[in-house]
């Protein structure tokens, strides 16, 4: 028995987190937000958790989950994007990067999606330059001006 402090916990079974994310939309909105807050705190707890959460595909799953909410500004979208930001700064696969860019282009055409673009800009700025991952900065240009 004891207190549970998410930002000091280690995720050893990230597959369980993936199952929760897969079931996210089955929960009530309050539970959805609480779960996303918990996962965000776990993701921010350090590289051990980031490695485990990214390796089981949490970013990809979150991107799939938020797709129907992209044109709005729901709390679920903003909380999920915070997690994508934290985990994406650690590692993004090529397919996850393609999905993010596709979302940004779709939102640009609809003149919305500011949350998504802001998250992507922060992700690029936060990117750990010491990591072995390829830098996203040279490949992504954010221009949200109307044509």
Foldseek 3Di string as FASTA:
>chain_A
DDDDDLLQDADPCLVVLVVCLLCLVVDDPVVSLVSLVSLLSNLNSDDRRLVSNVVVPVLVSLLVVCVVVQQDDDSNNLSSLSSNLSSVLVPDDPVSVVSLVVSLVVCLVVLDRPSSVVSVVSSLVSRDPPDPDDRCVVPDDDDSDDD
